[in-house]
Structures are given as structure tokens and as C-alpha cells.
Amino acid sequence: MDEQKIKRINELYRKSKAEGLTEAERQEQKVLRAEYLEAVKRNLRGQLNNIDIEEKDGTVINLGEKYGNKRGN
């Protein structure tokens, strides 16, 4: 998610607290927040898929290869 969209999310939040939002602004805020959450989930999923765990027997298991196909959204 680009910096402009994050700034817009913050602007809408501040405006909602100060004076309230129009229906169009509430809808925009909802869409932007959903997009932001999806970006955070994608980022976290990518990080978790790159973790290697070494077992006691010395074998290394990559979590992305082991669990990457499961999508618990």
C-alpha cells in the first residue's frame, strides 16, 4: 500500500473524530481500511513463509513449504 493511501486513511480518521464523515467518505474509509488490512496480511504471510525451523534431529523445515498452501483467512 502506498504512502498516499495511508495518509488518506489517517486524514479520514482525524476528520471522523473532529466533525464526522459524509457517507461517501465513510465508504472510502471502509475500502481503504480493507485494502490496508489485506496488505498487512500479505506482508505477514510472506514473512512467515520465509521462516526456517531447525528440528532436534538437525533437519530444517521451511514453514512456507510446510504450511504455505493453507490459507486461514
PDB file of N, CA and C in Angstrom:
ATOM      1  N   MET A   1       0.855  -1.173   0.000  1.00  0.00           N
ATOM      2  CA  MET A   1       0.000   0.000   0.000  1.00  0.00           C
ATOM      3  C   MET A   1       0.899   1.234   0.000  1.00  0.00           C
ATOM      4  N   ASP A   2       0.572   2.189  -0.841  1.00  0.00           N
ATOM      5  CA  ASP A   2       1.430   3.365  -0.942  1.00  0.00           C
ATOM      6  C   ASP A   2       1.158   4.372   0.175  1.00  0.00           C
ATOM      7  N   GLU A   3       2.104   5.269   0.342  1.00  0.00           N
ATOM      8  CA  GLU A   3       2.074   6.239   1.432  1.00  0.00           C
ATOM      9  C   GLU A   3       0.875   7.185   1.331  1.00  0.00           C
ATOM     10  N   GLN A   4       0.464   7.523   0.113  1.00  0.00           N
ATOM     11  CA  GLN A   4      -0.676   8.421  -0.078  1.00  0.00           C
ATOM     12  C   GLN A   4      -1.957   7.834   0.499  1.00  0.00           C
ATOM     13  N   LYS A   5      -2.164   6.538   0.292  1.00  0.00           N
ATOM     14  CA  LYS A   5      -3.373   5.895   0.813  1.00  0.00           C
ATOM     15  C   LYS A   5      -3.354   5.843   2.334  1.00  0.00           C
ATOM     16  N   ILE A   6      -2.188   5.601   2.902  1.00  0.00           N
ATOM     17  CA  ILE A   6      -2.077   5.581   4.366  1.00  0.00           C
ATOM     18  C   ILE A   6      -2.360   6.967   4.927  1.00  0.00           C
ATOM     19  N   LYS A   7      -1.835   7.997   4.274  1.00  0.00           N
ATOM     20  CA  LYS A   7      -2.123   9.367   4.711  1.00  0.00           C
ATOM     21  C   LYS A   7      -3.622   9.653   4.640  1.00  0.00           C
ATOM     22  N   ARG A   8      -4.260   9.175   3.576  1.00  0.00           N
ATOM     23  CA  ARG A   8      -5.699   9.402   3.420  1.00  0.00           C
ATOM     24  C   ARG A   8      -6.491   8.689   4.514  1.00  0.00           C
ATOM     25  N   ILE A   9      -6.082   7.484   4.864  1.00  0.00           N
ATOM     26  CA  ILE A   9      -6.735   6.765   5.965  1.00  0.00           C
ATOM     27  C   ILE A   9      -6.653   7.594   7.237  1.00  0.00           C
ATOM     28  N   ASN A  10      -5.484   8.137   7.509  1.00  0.00           N
ATOM     29  CA  ASN A  10      -5.287   8.946   8.717  1.00  0.00           C
ATOM     30  C   ASN A  10      -6.091  10.239   8.669  1.00  0.00           C
ATOM     31  N   GLU A  11      -6.156  10.875   7.495  1.00  0.00           N
ATOM     32  CA  GLU A  11      -6.964  12.096   7.349  1.00  0.00           C
ATOM     33  C   GLU A  11      -8.435  11.812   7.648  1.00  0.00           C
ATOM     34  N   LEU A  12      -8.925  10.734   7.076  1.00  0.00           N
ATOM     35  CA  LEU A  12     -10.331  10.389   7.298  1.00  0.00           C
ATOM     36  C   LEU A  12     -10.594  10.065   8.761  1.00  0.00           C
ATOM     37  N   TYR A  13      -9.647   9.408   9.417  1.00  0.00           N
ATOM     38  CA  TYR A  13      -9.823   9.103  10.842  1.00  0.00           C
ATOM     39  C   TYR A  13      -9.918  10.396  11.653  1.00  0.00           C
ATOM     40  N   ARG A  14      -8.973  11.305  11.403  1.00  0.00           N
ATOM     41  CA  ARG A  14      -8.983  12.569  12.153  1.00  0.00           C
ATOM     42  C   ARG A  14     -10.269  13.358  11.887  1.00  0.00           C
ATOM     43  N   LYS A  15     -10.708  13.374  10.641  1.00  0.00           N
ATOM     44  CA  LYS A  15     -11.933  14.105  10.310  1.00  0.00           C
ATOM     45  C   LYS A  15     -13.144  13.456  10.974  1.00  0.00           C
ATOM     46  N   SER A  16     -13.150  12.118  11.034  1.00  0.00           N
ATOM     47  CA  SER A  16     -14.287  11.438  11.660  1.00  0.00           C
ATOM     48  C   SER A  16     -14.397  11.793  13.139  1.00  0.00           C
ATOM     49  N   LYS A  17     -13.268  11.975  13.791  1.00  0.00           N
ATOM     50  CA  LYS A  17     -13.278  12.344  15.209  1.00  0.00           C
ATOM     51  C   LYS A  17     -13.630  13.811  15.406  1.00  0.00           C
ATOM     52  N   ALA A  18     -13.190  14.664  14.481  1.00  0.00           N
ATOM     53  CA  ALA A  18     -13.387  16.099  14.639  1.00  0.00           C
ATOM     54  C   ALA A  18     -14.792  16.548  14.240  1.00  0.00           C
ATOM     55  N   GLU A  19     -15.254  16.132  13.072  1.00  0.00           N
ATOM     56  CA  GLU A  19     -16.519  16.672  12.579  1.00  0.00           C
ATOM     57  C   GLU A  19     -17.449  15.647  11.958  1.00  0.00           C
ATOM     58  N   GLY A  20     -16.995  14.426  11.798  1.00  0.00           N
ATOM     59  CA  GLY A  20     -17.822  13.399  11.174  1.00  0.00           C
ATOM     60  C   GLY A  20     -17.544  13.292   9.687  1.00  0.00           C
ATOM     61  N   LEU A  21     -17.972  12.186   9.106  1.00  0.00           N
ATOM     62  CA  LEU A  21     -17.724  11.919   7.693  1.00  0.00           C
ATOM     63  C   LEU A  21     -19.036  11.866   6.920  1.00  0.00           C
ATOM     64  N   THR A  22     -18.945  12.198   5.647  1.00  0.00           N
ATOM     65  CA  THR A  22     -20.096  12.013   4.769  1.00  0.00           C
ATOM     66  C   THR A  22     -20.192  10.527   4.451  1.00  0.00           C
ATOM     67  N   GLU A  23     -21.301  10.145   3.865  1.00  0.00           N
ATOM     68  CA  GLU A  23     -21.480   8.729   3.502  1.00  0.00           C
ATOM     69  C   GLU A  23     -20.406   8.281   2.519  1.00  0.00           C
ATOM     70  N   ALA A  24     -20.069   9.127   1.562  1.00  0.00           N
ATOM     71  CA  ALA A  24     -19.025   8.790   0.575  1.00  0.00           C
ATOM     72  C   ALA A  24     -17.669   8.621   1.255  1.00  0.00           C
ATOM     73  N   GLU A  25     -17.384   9.473   2.217  1.00  0.00           N
ATOM     74  CA  GLU A  25     -16.112   9.372   2.945  1.00  0.00           C
ATOM     75  C   GLU A  25     -16.074   8.119   3.815  1.00  0.00           C
ATOM     76  N   ARG A  26     -17.205   7.774   4.418  1.00  0.00           N
ATOM     77  CA  ARG A  26     -17.249   6.541   5.221  1.00  0.00           C
ATOM     78  C   ARG A  26     -16.988   5.328   4.340  1.00  0.00           C
ATOM     79  N   GLN A  27     -17.555   5.331   3.145  1.00  0.00           N
ATOM     80  CA  GLN A  27     -17.344   4.218   2.215  1.00  0.00           C
ATOM     81  C   GLN A  27     -15.879   4.166   1.771  1.00  0.00           C
ATOM     82  N   GLU A  28     -15.306   5.337   1.480  1.00  0.00           N
ATOM     83  CA  GLU A  28     -13.891   5.393   1.094  1.00  0.00           C
ATOM     84  C   GLU A  28     -13.010   4.865   2.222  1.00  0.00           C
ATOM     85  N   GLN A  29     -13.317   5.257   3.447  1.00  0.00           N
ATOM     86  CA  GLN A  29     -12.555   4.810   4.603  1.00  0.00           C
ATOM     87  C   GLN A  29     -12.636   3.296   4.755  1.00  0.00           C
ATOM     88  N   LYS A  30     -13.808   2.754   4.559  1.00  0.00           N
ATOM     89  CA  LYS A  30     -14.008   1.309   4.667  1.00  0.00           C
ATOM     90  C   LYS A  30     -13.175   0.566   3.625  1.00  0.00           C
ATOM     91  N   VAL A  31     -13.189   1.048   2.386  1.00  0.00           N
ATOM     92  CA  VAL A  31     -12.433   0.410   1.309  1.00  0.00           C
ATOM     93  C   VAL A  31     -10.929   0.496   1.581  1.00  0.00           C
ATOM     94  N   LEU A  32     -10.470   1.684   1.986  1.00  0.00           N
ATOM     95  CA  LEU A  32      -9.038   1.863   2.260  1.00  0.00           C
ATOM     96  C   LEU A  32      -8.578   0.996   3.428  1.00  0.00           C
ATOM     97  N   ARG A  33      -9.396   0.907   4.467  1.00  0.00           N
ATOM     98  CA  ARG A  33      -9.021   0.070   5.615  1.00  0.00           C
ATOM     99  C   ARG A  33      -8.935  -1.398   5.220  1.00  0.00           C
ATOM    100  N   ALA A  34      -9.883  -1.862   4.405  1.00  0.00           N
ATOM    101  CA  ALA A  34      -9.859  -3.256   3.952  1.00  0.00           C
ATOM    102  C   ALA A  34      -8.602  -3.524   3.116  1.00  0.00           C
ATOM    103  N   GLU A  35      -8.257  -2.584   2.252  1.00  0.00           N
ATOM    104  CA  GLU A  35      -7.052  -2.723   1.439  1.00  0.00           C
ATOM    105  C   GLU A  35      -5.800  -2.750   2.317  1.00  0.00           C
ATOM    106  N   TYR A  36      -5.779  -1.897   3.335  1.00  0.00           N
ATOM    107  CA  TYR A  36      -4.643  -1.856   4.263  1.00  0.00           C
ATOM    108  C   TYR A  36      -4.501  -3.183   5.014  1.00  0.00           C
ATOM    109  N   LEU A  37      -5.607  -3.702   5.523  1.00  0.00           N
ATOM    110  CA  LEU A  37      -5.560  -4.967   6.251  1.00  0.00           C
ATOM    111  C   LEU A  37      -5.077  -6.113   5.356  1.00  0.00           C
ATOM    112  N   GLU A  38      -5.513  -6.125   4.119  1.00  0.00           N
ATOM    113  CA  GLU A  38      -5.077  -7.158   3.179  1.00  0.00           C
ATOM    114  C   GLU A  38      -3.579  -7.049   2.927  1.00  0.00           C
ATOM    115  N   ALA A  39      -3.064  -5.829   2.825  1.00  0.00           N
ATOM    116  CA  ALA A  39      -1.631  -5.624   2.621  1.00  0.00           C
ATOM    117  C   ALA A  39      -0.833  -6.114   3.826  1.00  0.00           C
ATOM    118  N   VAL A  40      -1.338  -5.850   5.027  1.00  0.00           N
ATOM    119  CA  VAL A  40      -0.660  -6.310   6.248  1.00  0.00           C
ATOM    120  C   VAL A  40      -0.650  -7.838   6.297  1.00  0.00           C
ATOM    121  N   LYS A  41      -1.775  -8.454   5.965  1.00  0.00           N
ATOM    122  CA  LYS A  41      -1.859  -9.923   5.971  1.00  0.00           C
ATOM    123  C   LYS A  41      -0.898 -10.528   4.949  1.00  0.00           C
ATOM    124  N   ARG A  42      -0.843  -9.935   3.747  1.00  0.00           N
ATOM    125  CA  ARG A  42       0.066 -10.425   2.701  1.00  0.00           C
ATOM    126  C   ARG A  42       1.515 -10.329   3.157  1.00  0.00           C
ATOM    127  N   ASN A  43       1.852  -9.203   3.779  1.00  0.00           N
ATOM    128  CA  ASN A  43       3.210  -8.989   4.265  1.00  0.00           C
ATOM    129  C   ASN A  43       3.564 -10.015   5.337  1.00  0.00           C
ATOM    130  N   LEU A  44       2.687 -10.213   6.298  1.00  0.00           N
ATOM    131  CA  LEU A  44       2.936 -11.167   7.377  1.00  0.00           C
ATOM    132  C   LEU A  44       3.056 -12.586   6.826  1.00  0.00           C
ATOM    133  N   ARG A  45       2.165 -12.949   5.902  1.00  0.00           N
ATOM    134  CA  ARG A  45       2.197 -14.269   5.291  1.00  0.00           C
ATOM    135  C   ARG A  45       3.537 -14.491   4.580  1.00  0.00           C
ATOM    136  N   GLY A  46       4.015 -13.469   3.880  1.00  0.00           N
ATOM    137  CA  GLY A  46       5.300 -13.555   3.198  1.00  0.00           C
ATOM    138  C   GLY A  46       6.448 -13.757   4.162  1.00  0.00           C
ATOM    139  N   GLN A  47       6.413 -13.045   5.287  1.00  0.00           N
ATOM    140  CA  GLN A  47       7.464 -13.198   6.291  1.00  0.00           C
ATOM    141  C   GLN A  47       7.429 -14.593   6.912  1.00  0.00           C
ATOM    142  N   LEU A  48       6.242 -15.056   7.252  1.00  0.00           N
ATOM    143  CA  LEU A  48       6.124 -16.375   7.880  1.00  0.00           C
ATOM    144  C   LEU A  48       6.544 -17.493   6.922  1.00  0.00           C
ATOM    145  N   ASN A  49       6.270 -17.304   5.633  1.00  0.00           N
ATOM    146  CA  ASN A  49       6.644 -18.324   4.650  1.00  0.00           C
ATOM    147  C   ASN A  49       8.153 -18.424   4.452  1.00  0.00           C
ATOM    148  N   ASN A  50       8.906 -17.456   4.945  1.00  0.00           N
ATOM    149  CA  ASN A  50      10.358 -17.481   4.801  1.00  0.00           C
ATOM    150  C   ASN A  50      11.080 -17.892   6.078  1.00  0.00           C
ATOM    151  N   ILE A  51      10.365 -18.396   7.050  1.00  0.00           N
ATOM    152  CA  ILE A  51      10.983 -18.830   8.309  1.00  0.00           C
ATOM    153  C   ILE A  51      11.384 -20.290   8.184  1.00  0.00           C
ATOM    154  N   ASP A  52      12.627 -20.571   8.572  1.00  0.00           N
ATOM    155  CA  ASP A  52      13.124 -21.943   8.632  1.00  0.00           C
ATOM    156  C   ASP A  52      13.249 -22.350  10.093  1.00  0.00           C
ATOM    157  N   ILE A  53      12.825 -23.568  10.391  1.00  0.00           N
ATOM    158  CA  ILE A  53      12.926 -24.095  11.751  1.00  0.00           C
ATOM    159  C   ILE A  53      13.820 -25.327  11.716  1.00  0.00           C
ATOM    160  N   GLU A  54      14.798 -25.334  12.618  1.00  0.00           N
ATOM    161  CA  GLU A  54      15.677 -26.489  12.710  1.00  0.00           C
ATOM    162  C   GLU A  54      15.144 -27.434  13.784  1.00  0.00           C
ATOM    163  N   GLU A  55      14.878 -28.654  13.374  1.00  0.00           N
ATOM    164  CA  GLU A  55      14.376 -29.675  14.294  1.00  0.00           C
ATOM    165  C   GLU A  55      15.524 -30.228  15.144  1.00  0.00           C
ATOM    166  N   LYS A  56      15.185 -30.973  16.188  1.00  0.00           N
ATOM    167  CA  LYS A  56      16.196 -31.546  17.074  1.00  0.00           C
ATOM    168  C   LYS A  56      17.138 -32.488  16.338  1.00  0.00           C
ATOM    169  N   ASP A  57      16.630 -33.157  15.300  1.00  0.00           N
ATOM    170  CA  ASP A  57      17.477 -34.099  14.552  1.00  0.00           C
ATOM    171  C   ASP A  57      18.352 -33.392  13.514  1.00  0.00           C
ATOM    172  N   GLY A  58      18.274 -32.060  13.446  1.00  0.00           N
ATOM    173  CA  GLY A  58      19.118 -31.302  12.537  1.00  0.00           C
ATOM    174  C   GLY A  58      18.470 -30.959  11.206  1.00  0.00           C
ATOM    175  N   THR A  59      17.319 -31.512  10.918  1.00  0.00           N
ATOM    176  CA  THR A  59      16.658 -31.183   9.658  1.00  0.00           C
ATOM    177  C   THR A  59      16.069 -29.779   9.731  1.00  0.00           C
ATOM    178  N   VAL A  60      16.022 -29.129   8.599  1.00  0.00           N
ATOM    179  CA  VAL A  60      15.494 -27.771   8.519  1.00  0.00           C
ATOM    180  C   VAL A  60      14.191 -27.815   7.726  1.00  0.00           C
ATOM    181  N   ILE A  61      13.160 -27.230   8.327  1.00  0.00           N
ATOM    182  CA  ILE A  61      11.844 -27.202   7.695  1.00  0.00           C
ATOM    183  C   ILE A  61      11.478 -25.744   7.422  1.00  0.00           C
ATOM    184  N   ASN A  62      11.110 -25.465   6.189  1.00  0.00           N
ATOM    185  CA  ASN A  62      10.650 -24.133   5.818  1.00  0.00           C
ATOM    186  C   ASN A  62       9.141 -24.079   6.046  1.00  0.00           C
ATOM    187  N   LEU A  63       8.685 -23.104   6.823  1.00  0.00           N
ATOM    188  CA  LEU A  63       7.256 -23.011   7.135  1.00  0.00           C
ATOM    189  C   LEU A  63       6.417 -22.726   5.898  1.00  0.00           C
ATOM    190  N   GLY A  64       6.973 -21.996   4.938  1.00  0.00           N
ATOM    191  CA  GLY A  64       6.239 -21.719   3.711  1.00  0.00           C
ATOM    192  C   GLY A  64       5.973 -22.980   2.921  1.00  0.00           C
ATOM    193  N   GLU A  65       6.960 -23.860   2.869  1.00  0.00           N
ATOM    194  CA  GLU A  65       6.781 -25.118   2.154  1.00  0.00           C
ATOM    195  C   GLU A  65       5.839 -26.053   2.909  1.00  0.00           C
ATOM    196  N   LYS A  66       5.909 -26.016   4.236  1.00  0.00           N
ATOM    197  CA  LYS A  66       5.084 -26.916   5.036  1.00  0.00           C
ATOM    198  C   LYS A  66       3.636 -26.443   5.131  1.00  0.00           C
ATOM    199  N   TYR A  67       3.435 -25.140   5.343  1.00  0.00           N
ATOM    200  CA  TYR A  67       2.088 -24.621   5.587  1.00  0.00           C
ATOM    201  C   TYR A  67       1.628 -23.594   4.551  1.00  0.00           C
ATOM    202  N   GLY A  68       2.453 -23.262   3.589  1.00  0.00           N
ATOM    203  CA  GLY A  68       2.162 -22.182   2.653  1.00  0.00           C
ATOM    204  C   GLY A  68       0.882 -22.357   1.842  1.00  0.00           C
ATOM    205  N   ASN A  69       0.470 -23.564   1.590  1.00  0.00           N
ATOM    206  CA  ASN A  69      -0.730 -23.778   0.791  1.00  0.00           C
ATOM    207  C   ASN A  69      -2.004 -23.604   1.593  1.00  0.00           C
ATOM    208  N   LYS A  70      -1.897 -23.613   2.905  1.00  0.00           N
ATOM    209  CA  LYS A  70      -3.084 -23.444   3.754  1.00  0.00           C
ATOM    210  C   LYS A  70      -3.343 -21.969   3.904  1.00  0.00           C
ATOM    211  N   ARG A  71      -4.557 -21.538   3.675  1.00  0.00           N
ATOM    212  CA  ARG A  71      -4.901 -20.121   3.759  1.00  0.00           C
ATOM    213  C   ARG A  71      -6.029 -19.948   4.756  1.00  0.00           C
ATOM    214  N   GLY A  72      -5.679 -19.653   5.986  1.00  0.00           N
ATOM    215  CA  GLY A  72      -6.687 -19.463   7.021  1.00  0.00           C
ATOM    216  C   GLY A  72      -7.096 -18.020   7.160  1.00  0.00           C
ATOM    217  N   ASN A  73      -7.854 -17.480   6.215  1.00  0.00           N
ATOM    218  CA  ASN A  73      -8.277 -16.082   6.272  1.00  0.00           C
ATOM    219  C   ASN A  73      -9.494 -15.922   7.125  1.00  0.00           C
TER     220      ASN A  73
END
